[in-house]
C-alpha atoms as a PDB file:
ATOM      1  CA  MET A   1     -11.655  -2.063  -8.846  1.00  0.00           C
ATOM      2  CA  LEU A   2     -11.391  -1.044  -5.200  1.00  0.00           C
ATOM      3  CA  LYS A   3     -14.968  -1.931  -4.314  1.00  0.00           C
ATOM      4  CA  ASP A   4     -15.012  -5.366  -5.922  1.00  0.00           C
ATOM      5  CA  GLY A   5     -11.533  -6.354  -4.680  1.00  0.00           C
ATOM      6  CA  SER A   6     -10.052  -6.800  -8.163  1.00  0.00           C
ATOM      7  CA  TYR A   7      -7.315  -4.245  -7.464  1.00  0.00           C
ATOM      8  CA  ASP A   8      -6.176  -6.136  -4.352  1.00  0.00           C
ATOM      9  CA  ARG A   9      -6.128  -9.402  -6.307  1.00  0.00           C
ATOM     10  CA  PHE A  10      -4.119  -7.785  -9.123  1.00  0.00           C
ATOM     11  CA  PHE A  11      -1.689  -6.195  -6.646  1.00  0.00           C
ATOM     12  CA  GLN A  12      -1.158  -9.463  -4.748  1.00  0.00           C
ATOM     13  CA  GLN A  13      -0.728 -11.434  -7.961  1.00  0.00           C
ATOM     14  CA  HIS A  14       1.997  -9.117  -9.246  1.00  0.00           C
ATOM     15  CA  TYR A  15       3.699  -7.913  -6.058  1.00  0.00           C
ATOM     16  CA  GLY A  16       2.679 -10.235  -3.219  1.00  0.00           C
ATOM     17  CA  ALA A  17       5.713 -12.547  -3.366  1.00  0.00           C
ATOM     18  CA  SER A  18       8.161  -9.631  -3.497  1.00  0.00           C
ATOM     19  CA  ILE A  19       6.443  -7.927  -0.587  1.00  0.00           C
ATOM     20  CA  ARG A  20       6.602 -11.083   1.519  1.00  0.00           C
ATOM     21  CA  ARG A  21      10.320 -11.511   0.743  1.00  0.00           C
ATOM     22  CA  ALA A  22      10.970  -7.854   1.662  1.00  0.00           C
ATOM     23  CA  ASP A  23       9.700  -8.503   5.232  1.00  0.00           C
ATOM     24  CA  LEU A  24       8.052  -5.078   5.388  1.00  0.00           C
ATOM     25  CA  ASP A  25       6.441  -5.877   8.740  1.00  0.00           C
ATOM     26  CA  GLY A  26       9.907  -6.177  10.264  1.00  0.00           C
ATOM     27  CA  ARG A  27      11.117  -2.802   9.010  1.00  0.00           C
ATOM     28  CA  THR A  28      10.947   0.647  10.513  1.00  0.00           C
ATOM     29  CA  LEU A  29       8.418   2.952   8.898  1.00  0.00           C
ATOM     30  CA  ILE A  30       9.593   6.524   8.421  1.00  0.00           C
ATOM     31  CA  ARG A  31       6.810   8.910   7.473  1.00  0.00           C
ATOM     32  CA  LEU A  32       7.834  11.925   5.431  1.00  0.00           C
ATOM     33  CA  ASP A  33       5.765  14.934   4.497  1.00  0.00           C
ATOM     34  CA  ASN A  34       5.837  15.781   0.810  1.00  0.00           C
ATOM     35  CA  PRO A  35       5.073  19.442   0.168  1.00  0.00           C
ATOM     36  CA  MET A  36       5.061  18.730  -3.581  1.00  0.00           C
ATOM     37  CA  LEU A  37       1.908  16.589  -3.426  1.00  0.00           C
ATOM     38  CA  PRO A  38      -1.124  18.314  -4.894  1.00  0.00           C
ATOM     39  CA  LYS A  39      -3.704  19.470  -2.354  1.00  0.00           C
ATOM     40  CA  LYS A  40      -6.224  17.041  -3.891  1.00  0.00           C
ATOM     41  CA  THR A  41      -4.096  13.970  -3.090  1.00  0.00           C
ATOM     42  CA  PRO A  42      -6.433  11.669  -1.117  1.00  0.00           C
ATOM     43  CA  LEU A  43      -4.119  11.072   1.847  1.00  0.00           C
ATOM     44  CA  ASP A  44      -7.022  10.144   4.132  1.00  0.00           C
ATOM     45  CA  ASP A  45      -8.385   7.389   1.872  1.00  0.00           C
ATOM     46  CA  ALA A  46      -6.702   4.317   3.376  1.00  0.00           C
ATOM     47  CA  ARG A  47      -7.934   2.119   0.498  1.00  0.00           C
ATOM     48  CA  LEU A  48      -5.391   3.808  -1.778  1.00  0.00           C
ATOM     49  CA  TRP A  49      -2.285   3.331   0.358  1.00  0.00           C
ATOM     50  CA  TYR A  50      -0.407   0.114   0.940  1.00  0.00           C
ATOM     51  CA  GLN A  51      -0.563  -1.162   4.526  1.00  0.00           C
ATOM     52  CA  PRO A  52       1.962  -4.009   4.952  1.00  0.00           C
ATOM     53  CA  ALA A  53       0.356  -5.655   7.992  1.00  0.00           C
ATOM     54  CA  SER A  54      -3.094  -5.828   6.446  1.00  0.00           C
ATOM     55  CA  ARG A  55      -2.208  -6.649   2.845  1.00  0.00           C
ATOM     56  CA  ALA A  56       0.798  -8.928   2.615  1.00  0.00           C
ATOM     57  CA  ARG A  57      -0.543 -12.486   2.662  1.00  0.00           C
END
């Protein structure tokens, strides 16, 4: 799904309008560490994490 873009299409279809209305680009991002996340959580794989500036269309 990630490689062929179908996940992005699904995500935009279901959440795109809400994300645009939320004006996420105009908000302050507060990063929090979560010590409860498993060590195997792929934090460095940017494909898996929402990036408002690059995704909200």
